[in-house]
Amino acid sequence: MPSYTSYDNDSLVREIAGGNQKAFFELSARFDGIIRDIASVSDVDASQREDLYQEGLIGLYRAALTFDATKGASFPTYATVCIRHSIYSSLRDYFSKKNEPVRSSFSFEEAVAEQCPDSRTEPEKLLLEKENLRLIMEEIDTSLSSYERDVFKLFLKGTSYEVIARLLSTTPKSVDNAIQRIRGKLKKFIK
């Protein structure tokens, strides 16, 4: 397996767009701090913050798949916008009226997090997080069915359920069900 640490961002993006998932591990490690910073700006509980981090990773992956160097923006600028959009969209959903009962419920994770010091700045913790992300990405790749992987790739590109359904010769309901299964699997890996 080649080492991607010497690749510049544009080379990593080309690798990812070509289907190389391992290049995404390096790219996500480079953008880990940015994703965490953006995810931490909102006053949400610890479990929601991890969901926001996950949404940030999805935004980064979407950026890698849709980046066009001819548009004039650098990849870090474009990726940051995509990460913000993904996280803020999730926050909009979280703070919508339909989630009011969820937000007002007691959060065990938040109570525990308040009692434990934040060790994210320790070098060992950063290395462990990078390795955990690599393992998570491998697990995701192997745990999704080929149909779910196809749906996930199209979803990350911002394709609507209707268009995904048309492209994969299925129904929007089937696409929605696949997205729900994918989200469930992603949440399992992030915990």
N, C-alpha and C. Protein backbone atom coordinates (compact mmCIF):
# COMPACT_ATOMS: atom_id res chain seq x y z
N MET A 1 0.85 -1.18 0.00
CA MET A 1 0.00 0.00 0.00
C MET A 1 0.89 1.24 0.00
N PRO A 2 0.67 2.17 -0.94
CA PRO A 2 1.50 3.36 -0.98
C PRO A 2 1.20 4.28 0.19
N SER A 3 2.20 5.07 0.56
CA SER A 3 2.02 6.06 1.62
C SER A 3 1.53 7.35 0.96
N TYR A 4 0.44 7.87 1.46
CA TYR A 4 -0.14 9.06 0.87
C TYR A 4 0.29 10.34 1.58
N THR A 5 1.18 10.22 2.56
CA THR A 5 1.60 11.40 3.31
C THR A 5 2.34 12.40 2.44
N SER A 6 3.01 11.93 1.38
CA SER A 6 3.76 12.84 0.51
C SER A 6 2.89 13.44 -0.59
N TYR A 7 1.65 12.99 -0.73
CA TYR A 7 0.74 13.51 -1.76
C TYR A 7 0.24 14.89 -1.35
N ASP A 8 0.07 15.77 -2.33
CA ASP A 8 -0.59 17.04 -2.03
C ASP A 8 -2.11 16.80 -2.06
N ASN A 9 -2.86 17.78 -1.61
CA ASN A 9 -4.32 17.61 -1.51
C ASN A 9 -4.95 17.28 -2.86
N ASP A 10 -4.52 17.95 -3.91
CA ASP A 10 -5.11 17.71 -5.22
C ASP A 10 -4.86 16.28 -5.69
N SER A 11 -3.68 15.73 -5.41
CA SER A 11 -3.39 14.35 -5.78
C SER A 11 -4.27 13.38 -4.99
N LEU A 12 -4.45 13.66 -3.71
CA LEU A 12 -5.33 12.82 -2.90
C LEU A 12 -6.75 12.86 -3.42
N VAL A 13 -7.21 14.04 -3.81
CA VAL A 13 -8.57 14.19 -4.32
C VAL A 13 -8.74 13.37 -5.60
N ARG A 14 -7.74 13.41 -6.48
CA ARG A 14 -7.82 12.61 -7.71
C ARG A 14 -7.88 11.12 -7.38
N GLU A 15 -7.10 10.69 -6.39
CA GLU A 15 -7.12 9.28 -5.98
C GLU A 15 -8.50 8.89 -5.45
N ILE A 16 -9.07 9.74 -4.62
CA ILE A 16 -10.38 9.47 -4.02
C ILE A 16 -11.46 9.44 -5.11
N ALA A 17 -11.41 10.42 -6.02
CA ALA A 17 -12.40 10.46 -7.11
C ALA A 17 -12.28 9.23 -8.00
N GLY A 18 -11.09 8.64 -8.04
CA GLY A 18 -10.88 7.43 -8.81
C GLY A 18 -11.28 6.17 -8.06
N GLY A 19 -11.81 6.33 -6.86
CA GLY A 19 -12.30 5.18 -6.10
C GLY A 19 -11.35 4.67 -5.04
N ASN A 20 -10.23 5.34 -4.80
CA ASN A 20 -9.25 4.89 -3.82
C ASN A 20 -9.65 5.38 -2.43
N GLN A 21 -10.27 4.51 -1.64
CA GLN A 21 -10.73 4.87 -0.31
C GLN A 21 -9.58 5.11 0.67
N LYS A 22 -8.46 4.45 0.46
CA LYS A 22 -7.33 4.59 1.39
C LYS A 22 -6.76 6.02 1.37
N ALA A 23 -6.85 6.68 0.22
CA ALA A 23 -6.39 8.07 0.14
C ALA A 23 -7.25 8.98 1.01
N PHE A 24 -8.51 8.59 1.23
CA PHE A 24 -9.39 9.40 2.06
C PHE A 24 -8.92 9.41 3.52
N PHE A 25 -8.29 8.34 3.97
CA PHE A 25 -7.78 8.31 5.35
C PHE A 25 -6.79 9.44 5.57
N GLU A 26 -5.87 9.61 4.63
CA GLU A 26 -4.87 10.68 4.75
C GLU A 26 -5.55 12.04 4.67
N LEU A 27 -6.45 12.22 3.72
CA LEU A 27 -7.13 13.51 3.57
C LEU A 27 -7.93 13.84 4.83
N SER A 28 -8.63 12.86 5.39
CA SER A 28 -9.43 13.12 6.59
C SER A 28 -8.54 13.44 7.78
N ALA A 29 -7.36 12.83 7.84
CA ALA A 29 -6.43 13.16 8.93
C ALA A 29 -5.97 14.61 8.81
N ARG A 30 -5.76 15.08 7.59
CA ARG A 30 -5.34 16.46 7.36
C ARG A 30 -6.43 17.46 7.74
N PHE A 31 -7.68 17.07 7.56
CA PHE A 31 -8.79 17.98 7.81
C PHE A 31 -9.47 17.73 9.16
N ASP A 32 -8.93 16.81 9.95
CA ASP A 32 -9.53 16.46 11.24
C ASP A 32 -9.74 17.68 12.13
N GLY A 33 -8.72 18.51 12.26
CA GLY A 33 -8.82 19.70 13.12
C GLY A 33 -9.87 20.67 12.65
N ILE A 34 -9.95 20.87 11.33
CA ILE A 34 -10.94 21.78 10.77
C ILE A 34 -12.35 21.26 11.05
N ILE A 35 -12.54 19.96 10.82
CA ILE A 35 -13.87 19.37 11.06
C ILE A 35 -14.24 19.51 12.53
N ARG A 36 -13.31 19.20 13.42
CA ARG A 36 -13.60 19.29 14.86
C ARG A 36 -13.89 20.74 15.27
N ASP A 37 -13.14 21.69 14.71
CA ASP A 37 -13.39 23.09 15.04
C ASP A 37 -14.78 23.53 14.60
N ILE A 38 -15.17 23.17 13.39
CA ILE A 38 -16.49 23.57 12.90
C ILE A 38 -17.59 22.87 13.70
N ALA A 39 -17.38 21.60 14.02
CA ALA A 39 -18.39 20.84 14.78
C ALA A 39 -18.52 21.34 16.22
N SER A 40 -17.49 22.00 16.74
CA SER A 40 -17.53 22.41 18.14
C SER A 40 -18.14 23.79 18.36
N VAL A 41 -18.50 24.50 17.29
CA VAL A 41 -19.02 25.86 17.47
C VAL A 41 -20.44 25.91 18.02
N SER A 42 -21.14 24.82 17.94
CA SER A 42 -22.54 24.82 18.39
C SER A 42 -22.65 24.24 19.80
N ASP A 43 -23.67 24.69 20.50
CA ASP A 43 -23.92 24.23 21.86
C ASP A 43 -24.80 22.98 21.80
N VAL A 44 -24.17 21.83 21.53
CA VAL A 44 -24.89 20.56 21.47
C VAL A 44 -24.22 19.58 22.41
N ASP A 45 -24.91 18.49 22.73
CA ASP A 45 -24.34 17.51 23.64
C ASP A 45 -23.24 16.70 22.94
N ALA A 46 -22.51 15.91 23.72
CA ALA A 46 -21.35 15.17 23.21
C ALA A 46 -21.73 14.19 22.11
N SER A 47 -22.84 13.51 22.25
CA SER A 47 -23.22 12.54 21.22
C SER A 47 -23.57 13.26 19.92
N GLN A 48 -24.23 14.41 20.00
CA GLN A 48 -24.56 15.18 18.80
C GLN A 48 -23.28 15.73 18.17
N ARG A 49 -22.30 16.09 18.98
CA ARG A 49 -21.04 16.60 18.43
C ARG A 49 -20.36 15.52 17.60
N GLU A 50 -20.43 14.28 18.05
CA GLU A 50 -19.85 13.18 17.26
C GLU A 50 -20.62 13.00 15.96
N ASP A 51 -21.94 13.18 16.01
CA ASP A 51 -22.74 13.13 14.78
C ASP A 51 -22.33 14.25 13.84
N LEU A 52 -22.07 15.43 14.39
CA LEU A 52 -21.63 16.56 13.57
C LEU A 52 -20.26 16.27 12.95
N TYR A 53 -19.39 15.63 13.72
CA TYR A 53 -18.08 15.26 13.18
C TYR A 53 -18.26 14.30 12.00
N GLN A 54 -19.14 13.35 12.17
CA GLN A 54 -19.44 12.39 11.10
C GLN A 54 -19.98 13.11 9.87
N GLU A 55 -20.87 14.07 10.08
CA GLU A 55 -21.40 14.87 8.97
C GLU A 55 -20.27 15.65 8.30
N GLY A 56 -19.32 16.13 9.10
CA GLY A 56 -18.17 16.83 8.54
C GLY A 56 -17.33 15.93 7.65
N LEU A 57 -17.15 14.67 8.08
CA LEU A 57 -16.43 13.70 7.24
C LEU A 57 -17.17 13.45 5.93
N ILE A 58 -18.48 13.36 6.02
CA ILE A 58 -19.28 13.18 4.81
C ILE A 58 -19.11 14.39 3.90
N GLY A 59 -19.11 15.58 4.48
CA GLY A 59 -18.89 16.80 3.69
C GLY A 59 -17.53 16.81 3.02
N LEU A 60 -16.51 16.34 3.74
CA LEU A 60 -15.16 16.27 3.16
C LEU A 60 -15.13 15.27 2.01
N TYR A 61 -15.75 14.13 2.21
CA TYR A 61 -15.78 13.11 1.16
C TYR A 61 -16.54 13.64 -0.06
N ARG A 62 -17.65 14.29 0.19
CA ARG A 62 -18.43 14.89 -0.91
C ARG A 62 -17.57 15.92 -1.65
N ALA A 63 -16.80 16.71 -0.89
CA ALA A 63 -15.93 17.71 -1.52
C ALA A 63 -14.90 17.04 -2.42
N ALA A 64 -14.33 15.94 -1.95
CA ALA A 64 -13.32 15.23 -2.75
C ALA A 64 -13.92 14.69 -4.04
N LEU A 65 -15.17 14.25 -3.98
CA LEU A 65 -15.80 13.69 -5.16
C LEU A 65 -16.27 14.75 -6.15
N THR A 66 -16.55 15.95 -5.68
CA THR A 66 -17.14 16.97 -6.56
C THR A 66 -16.19 18.12 -6.87
N PHE A 67 -14.97 18.11 -6.34
CA PHE A 67 -14.04 19.23 -6.54
C PHE A 67 -13.67 19.37 -8.01
N ASP A 68 -13.69 20.61 -8.48
CA ASP A 68 -13.31 20.93 -9.85
C ASP A 68 -12.28 22.06 -9.78
N ALA A 69 -11.02 21.73 -10.04
CA ALA A 69 -9.93 22.70 -9.94
C ALA A 69 -10.08 23.85 -10.92
N THR A 70 -10.85 23.66 -11.98
CA THR A 70 -11.01 24.72 -12.98
C THR A 70 -11.93 25.84 -12.52
N LYS A 71 -12.61 25.66 -11.40
CA LYS A 71 -13.55 26.67 -10.90
C LYS A 71 -12.87 27.81 -10.16
N GLY A 72 -11.57 27.67 -9.88
CA GLY A 72 -10.81 28.77 -9.28
C GLY A 72 -10.57 28.69 -7.79
N ALA A 73 -11.28 27.86 -7.07
CA ALA A 73 -11.07 27.75 -5.62
C ALA A 73 -10.06 26.64 -5.33
N SER A 74 -9.30 26.83 -4.26
CA SER A 74 -8.38 25.77 -3.85
C SER A 74 -9.19 24.67 -3.17
N PHE A 75 -8.62 23.48 -3.11
CA PHE A 75 -9.37 22.39 -2.46
C PHE A 75 -9.63 22.69 -0.99
N PRO A 76 -8.65 23.18 -0.20
CA PRO A 76 -8.95 23.45 1.21
C PRO A 76 -10.12 24.43 1.39
N THR A 77 -10.20 25.44 0.54
CA THR A 77 -11.31 26.39 0.63
C THR A 77 -12.63 25.70 0.30
N TYR A 78 -12.64 24.96 -0.80
CA TYR A 78 -13.85 24.25 -1.22
C TYR A 78 -14.27 23.22 -0.17
N ALA A 79 -13.31 22.47 0.34
CA ALA A 79 -13.61 21.44 1.34
C ALA A 79 -14.19 22.06 2.61
N THR A 80 -13.62 23.17 3.04
CA THR A 80 -14.11 23.83 4.25
C THR A 80 -15.56 24.27 4.07
N VAL A 81 -15.89 24.80 2.90
CA VAL A 81 -17.27 25.20 2.61
C VAL A 81 -18.19 23.98 2.64
N CYS A 82 -17.76 22.88 2.02
CA CYS A 82 -18.58 21.66 2.01
C CYS A 82 -18.76 21.09 3.41
N ILE A 83 -17.70 21.10 4.20
CA ILE A 83 -17.77 20.60 5.58
C ILE A 83 -18.75 21.45 6.39
N ARG A 84 -18.60 22.78 6.27
CA ARG A 84 -19.52 23.69 6.98
C ARG A 84 -20.96 23.44 6.56
N HIS A 85 -21.18 23.33 5.26
CA HIS A 85 -22.54 23.12 4.76
C HIS A 85 -23.13 21.83 5.32
N SER A 86 -22.35 20.78 5.32
CA SER A 86 -22.82 19.49 5.81
C SER A 86 -23.16 19.56 7.30
N ILE A 87 -22.28 20.17 8.08
CA ILE A 87 -22.50 20.28 9.53
C ILE A 87 -23.67 21.21 9.83
N TYR A 88 -23.73 22.35 9.15
CA TYR A 88 -24.81 23.30 9.42
C TYR A 88 -26.16 22.76 8.98
N SER A 89 -26.19 21.98 7.91
CA SER A 89 -27.44 21.34 7.49
C SER A 89 -27.92 20.38 8.57
N SER A 90 -26.97 19.64 9.14
CA SER A 90 -27.32 18.72 10.22
C SER A 90 -27.83 19.48 11.45
N LEU A 91 -27.19 20.61 11.74
CA LEU A 91 -27.63 21.42 12.88
C LEU A 91 -29.03 21.98 12.65
N ARG A 92 -29.32 22.40 11.41
CA ARG A 92 -30.66 22.89 11.10
C ARG A 92 -31.70 21.82 11.38
N ASP A 93 -31.38 20.59 10.96
CA ASP A 93 -32.30 19.48 11.23
C ASP A 93 -32.43 19.24 12.73
N TYR A 94 -31.31 19.29 13.43
CA TYR A 94 -31.31 19.03 14.87
C TYR A 94 -32.16 20.05 15.62
N PHE A 95 -32.06 21.31 15.21
CA PHE A 95 -32.78 22.36 15.91
C PHE A 95 -34.17 22.63 15.35
N SER A 96 -34.62 21.80 14.44
CA SER A 96 -35.97 21.98 13.91
C SER A 96 -37.00 21.57 14.97
N LYS A 97 -38.21 22.02 14.80
CA LYS A 97 -39.27 21.74 15.77
C LYS A 97 -39.51 20.24 15.98
N LYS A 98 -39.38 19.45 14.91
CA LYS A 98 -39.71 18.03 15.04
C LYS A 98 -38.75 17.29 15.98
N ASN A 99 -37.58 17.86 16.25
CA ASN A 99 -36.62 17.21 17.14
C ASN A 99 -36.67 17.77 18.56
N GLU A 100 -37.63 18.62 18.86
CA GLU A 100 -37.73 19.21 20.18
C GLU A 100 -37.70 18.18 21.32
N PRO A 101 -38.48 17.08 21.25
CA PRO A 101 -38.44 16.10 22.34
C PRO A 101 -37.06 15.45 22.50
N VAL A 102 -36.35 15.25 21.40
CA VAL A 102 -35.02 14.64 21.48
C VAL A 102 -34.05 15.58 22.16
N ARG A 103 -34.09 16.86 21.79
CA ARG A 103 -33.15 17.83 22.36
C ARG A 103 -33.39 18.06 23.84
N SER A 104 -34.63 17.96 24.27
CA SER A 104 -34.92 18.25 25.67
C SER A 104 -34.71 17.05 26.57
N SER A 105 -34.37 15.90 26.01
CA SER A 105 -34.16 14.72 26.84
C SER A 105 -32.78 14.75 27.50
N PHE A 106 -32.63 14.00 28.55
CA PHE A 106 -31.38 13.92 29.30
C PHE A 106 -30.32 13.21 28.48
N SER A 107 -29.10 13.73 28.47
CA SER A 107 -28.01 13.12 27.72
C SER A 107 -26.99 12.55 28.69
N PHE A 108 -26.92 11.22 28.75
CA PHE A 108 -25.95 10.56 29.61
C PHE A 108 -24.53 10.89 29.16
N GLU A 109 -24.31 10.92 27.82
CA GLU A 109 -22.98 11.20 27.29
C GLU A 109 -22.50 12.59 27.71
N GLU A 110 -23.40 13.56 27.72
CA GLU A 110 -23.02 14.91 28.10
C GLU A 110 -22.63 14.95 29.58
N ALA A 111 -23.38 14.24 30.42
CA ALA A 111 -23.06 14.21 31.85
C ALA A 111 -21.68 13.59 32.10
N VAL A 112 -21.37 12.51 31.37
CA VAL A 112 -20.07 11.86 31.51
C VAL A 112 -18.97 12.77 30.99
N ALA A 113 -19.20 13.41 29.84
CA ALA A 113 -18.20 14.27 29.22
C ALA A 113 -17.83 15.44 30.13
N GLU A 114 -18.79 15.94 30.89
CA GLU A 114 -18.50 17.05 31.79
C GLU A 114 -17.59 16.62 32.93
N GLN A 115 -17.61 15.33 33.27
CA GLN A 115 -16.79 14.83 34.36
C GLN A 115 -15.39 14.42 33.91
N CYS A 116 -15.20 14.24 32.62
CA CYS A 116 -13.92 13.75 32.09
C CYS A 116 -13.17 14.89 31.40
N PRO A 117 -11.87 15.01 31.65
CA PRO A 117 -11.10 16.05 30.97
C PRO A 117 -10.99 15.74 29.48
N ASP A 118 -10.90 16.79 28.69
CA ASP A 118 -10.76 16.63 27.24
C ASP A 118 -9.29 16.38 26.93
N SER A 119 -9.01 15.21 26.36
CA SER A 119 -7.62 14.85 26.08
C SER A 119 -7.31 14.92 24.59
N ARG A 120 -8.13 15.64 23.83
CA ARG A 120 -7.93 15.68 22.39
C ARG A 120 -6.60 16.31 22.00
N THR A 121 -6.02 17.12 22.88
CA THR A 121 -4.78 17.79 22.51
C THR A 121 -3.56 16.91 22.75
N GLU A 122 -3.71 15.77 23.39
CA GLU A 122 -2.58 14.88 23.61
C GLU A 122 -2.20 14.19 22.32
N PRO A 123 -0.89 14.14 21.99
CA PRO A 123 -0.46 13.51 20.74
C PRO A 123 -0.91 12.06 20.60
N GLU A 124 -0.87 11.31 21.71
CA GLU A 124 -1.30 9.92 21.63
C GLU A 124 -2.77 9.82 21.23
N LYS A 125 -3.59 10.71 21.76
CA LYS A 125 -5.01 10.73 21.45
C LYS A 125 -5.23 11.04 19.97
N LEU A 126 -4.45 11.98 19.43
CA LEU A 126 -4.59 12.32 18.02
C LEU A 126 -4.22 11.15 17.12
N LEU A 127 -3.16 10.43 17.48
CA LEU A 127 -2.75 9.26 16.70
C LEU A 127 -3.82 8.17 16.77
N LEU A 128 -4.38 7.97 17.95
CA LEU A 128 -5.43 6.97 18.10
C LEU A 128 -6.66 7.33 17.28
N GLU A 129 -7.01 8.62 17.27
CA GLU A 129 -8.17 9.04 16.49
C GLU A 129 -7.93 8.82 15.00
N LYS A 130 -6.72 9.09 14.53
CA LYS A 130 -6.40 8.87 13.12
C LYS A 130 -6.51 7.38 12.79
N GLU A 131 -5.99 6.53 13.65
CA GLU A 131 -6.06 5.09 13.41
C GLU A 131 -7.51 4.61 13.49
N ASN A 132 -8.27 5.15 14.44
CA ASN A 132 -9.68 4.78 14.55
C ASN A 132 -10.45 5.16 13.30
N LEU A 133 -10.17 6.34 12.75
CA LEU A 133 -10.84 6.76 11.53
C LEU A 133 -10.50 5.81 10.38
N ARG A 134 -9.26 5.39 10.29
CA ARG A 134 -8.85 4.46 9.23
C ARG A 134 -9.62 3.15 9.38
N LEU A 135 -9.70 2.64 10.59
CA LEU A 135 -10.44 1.40 10.83
C LEU A 135 -11.92 1.56 10.54
N ILE A 136 -12.48 2.69 10.91
CA ILE A 136 -13.89 2.96 10.65
C ILE A 136 -14.16 2.96 9.16
N MET A 137 -13.29 3.64 8.39
CA MET A 137 -13.50 3.70 6.94
C MET A 137 -13.41 2.31 6.32
N GLU A 138 -12.49 1.48 6.80
CA GLU A 138 -12.40 0.11 6.29
C GLU A 138 -13.66 -0.68 6.64
N GLU A 139 -14.14 -0.52 7.87
CA GLU A 139 -15.35 -1.22 8.30
C GLU A 139 -16.56 -0.79 7.47
N ILE A 140 -16.66 0.52 7.23
CA ILE A 140 -17.77 1.03 6.44
C ILE A 140 -17.73 0.42 5.05
N ASP A 141 -16.55 0.42 4.45
CA ASP A 141 -16.41 -0.11 3.09
C ASP A 141 -16.81 -1.58 3.02
N THR A 142 -16.44 -2.35 4.03
CA THR A 142 -16.76 -3.78 4.00
C THR A 142 -18.17 -4.09 4.49
N SER A 143 -18.76 -3.21 5.28
CA SER A 143 -20.08 -3.53 5.85
C SER A 143 -21.24 -3.12 4.94
N LEU A 144 -21.01 -2.20 4.03
CA LEU A 144 -22.09 -1.78 3.14
C LEU A 144 -22.22 -2.77 1.99
N SER A 145 -23.43 -3.05 1.63
CA SER A 145 -23.67 -3.89 0.45
C SER A 145 -23.29 -3.08 -0.79
N SER A 146 -23.18 -3.74 -1.92
CA SER A 146 -22.81 -3.00 -3.14
C SER A 146 -23.89 -1.97 -3.47
N TYR A 147 -25.15 -2.31 -3.24
CA TYR A 147 -26.24 -1.36 -3.47
C TYR A 147 -26.10 -0.15 -2.53
N GLU A 148 -25.82 -0.41 -1.25
CA GLU A 148 -25.66 0.68 -0.29
C GLU A 148 -24.47 1.55 -0.65
N ARG A 149 -23.36 0.93 -1.11
CA ARG A 149 -22.20 1.72 -1.52
C ARG A 149 -22.55 2.62 -2.70
N ASP A 150 -23.31 2.09 -3.66
CA ASP A 150 -23.72 2.90 -4.81
C ASP A 150 -24.60 4.07 -4.37
N VAL A 151 -25.56 3.78 -3.50
CA VAL A 151 -26.44 4.82 -2.98
C VAL A 151 -25.63 5.86 -2.22
N PHE A 152 -24.71 5.40 -1.37
CA PHE A 152 -23.90 6.28 -0.53
C PHE A 152 -23.05 7.22 -1.39
N LYS A 153 -22.41 6.68 -2.42
CA LYS A 153 -21.57 7.51 -3.30
C LYS A 153 -22.40 8.59 -3.98
N LEU A 154 -23.56 8.21 -4.48
CA LEU A 154 -24.43 9.19 -5.14
C LEU A 154 -24.96 10.22 -4.14
N PHE A 155 -25.31 9.75 -2.95
CA PHE A 155 -25.80 10.65 -1.89
C PHE A 155 -24.73 11.66 -1.51
N LEU A 156 -23.47 11.21 -1.40
CA LEU A 156 -22.38 12.10 -1.04
C LEU A 156 -22.12 13.16 -2.11
N LYS A 157 -22.49 12.85 -3.33
CA LYS A 157 -22.33 13.82 -4.42
C LYS A 157 -23.47 14.84 -4.43
N GLY A 158 -24.44 14.66 -3.52
CA GLY A 158 -25.55 15.59 -3.43
C GLY A 158 -26.72 15.24 -4.33
N THR A 159 -26.73 14.02 -4.84
CA THR A 159 -27.80 13.57 -5.74
C THR A 159 -29.09 13.35 -4.94
N SER A 160 -30.20 13.80 -5.50
CA SER A 160 -31.49 13.64 -4.81
C SER A 160 -31.92 12.18 -4.82
N TYR A 161 -32.82 11.83 -3.89
CA TYR A 161 -33.32 10.46 -3.80
C TYR A 161 -33.96 10.03 -5.12
N GLU A 162 -34.70 10.95 -5.74
CA GLU A 162 -35.39 10.62 -6.99
C GLU A 162 -34.39 10.29 -8.10
N VAL A 163 -33.33 11.08 -8.21
CA VAL A 163 -32.32 10.84 -9.25
C VAL A 163 -31.55 9.56 -8.95
N ILE A 164 -31.22 9.33 -7.68
CA ILE A 164 -30.54 8.09 -7.31
C ILE A 164 -31.41 6.89 -7.71
N ALA A 165 -32.68 6.99 -7.39
CA ALA A 165 -33.61 5.90 -7.72
C ALA A 165 -33.64 5.65 -9.22
N ARG A 166 -33.68 6.71 -10.00
CA ARG A 166 -33.70 6.57 -11.45
C ARG A 166 -32.40 5.95 -11.96
N LEU A 167 -31.25 6.42 -11.43
CA LEU A 167 -29.95 5.90 -11.86
C LEU A 167 -29.77 4.42 -11.51
N LEU A 168 -30.32 4.01 -10.37
CA LEU A 168 -30.14 2.63 -9.91
C LEU A 168 -31.36 1.75 -10.20
N SER A 169 -32.29 2.27 -10.98
CA SER A 169 -33.50 1.52 -11.37
C SER A 169 -34.24 0.97 -10.14
N THR A 170 -34.52 1.86 -9.23
CA THR A 170 -35.25 1.48 -8.02
C THR A 170 -36.22 2.60 -7.67
N THR A 171 -36.76 2.57 -6.46
CA THR A 171 -37.73 3.59 -6.04
C THR A 171 -37.08 4.55 -5.03
N PRO A 172 -37.60 5.77 -4.91
CA PRO A 172 -37.10 6.69 -3.89
C PRO A 172 -37.23 6.11 -2.48
N LYS A 173 -38.28 5.34 -2.23
CA LYS A 173 -38.46 4.72 -0.91
C LYS A 173 -37.33 3.73 -0.62
N SER A 174 -36.92 2.96 -1.63
CA SER A 174 -35.81 2.03 -1.47
C SER A 174 -34.51 2.78 -1.17
N VAL A 175 -34.34 3.92 -1.85
CA VAL A 175 -33.15 4.75 -1.60
C VAL A 175 -33.18 5.28 -0.17
N ASP A 176 -34.34 5.78 0.27
CA ASP A 176 -34.48 6.29 1.62
C ASP A 176 -34.18 5.19 2.65
N ASN A 177 -34.69 3.99 2.41
CA ASN A 177 -34.40 2.87 3.32
C ASN A 177 -32.91 2.56 3.37
N ALA A 178 -32.26 2.61 2.21
CA ALA A 178 -30.82 2.35 2.16
C ALA A 178 -30.05 3.42 2.93
N ILE A 179 -30.46 4.68 2.77
CA ILE A 179 -29.80 5.78 3.50
C ILE A 179 -29.97 5.58 5.01
N GLN A 180 -31.15 5.18 5.44
CA GLN A 180 -31.38 4.94 6.86
C GLN A 180 -30.49 3.80 7.38
N ARG A 181 -30.36 2.73 6.59
CA ARG A 181 -29.48 1.62 6.99
C ARG A 181 -28.03 2.10 7.06
N ILE A 182 -27.61 2.89 6.09
CA ILE A 182 -26.24 3.40 6.06
C ILE A 182 -25.99 4.27 7.28
N ARG A 183 -26.92 5.17 7.60
CA ARG A 183 -26.77 6.03 8.78
C ARG A 183 -26.64 5.19 10.05
N GLY A 184 -27.46 4.14 10.14
CA GLY A 184 -27.38 3.25 11.31
C GLY A 184 -26.02 2.58 11.41
N LYS A 185 -25.51 2.13 10.28
CA LYS A 185 -24.19 1.50 10.29
C LYS A 185 -23.10 2.51 10.64
N LEU A 186 -23.20 3.73 10.10
CA LEU A 186 -22.21 4.75 10.39
C LEU A 186 -22.21 5.10 11.87
N LYS A 187 -23.38 5.24 12.45
CA LYS A 187 -23.46 5.56 13.88
C LYS A 187 -22.83 4.47 14.73
N LYS A 188 -23.01 3.22 14.32
CA LYS A 188 -22.43 2.09 15.05
C LYS A 188 -20.90 2.18 15.05
N PHE A 189 -20.32 2.60 13.92
CA PHE A 189 -18.86 2.66 13.81
C PHE A 189 -18.28 3.85 14.54
N ILE A 190 -19.02 4.93 14.62
CA ILE A 190 -18.51 6.14 15.26
C ILE A 190 -18.47 5.99 16.77
N LYS A 191 -19.37 5.18 17.33
CA LYS A 191 -19.42 5.02 18.80
C LYS A 191 -18.21 4.31 19.33
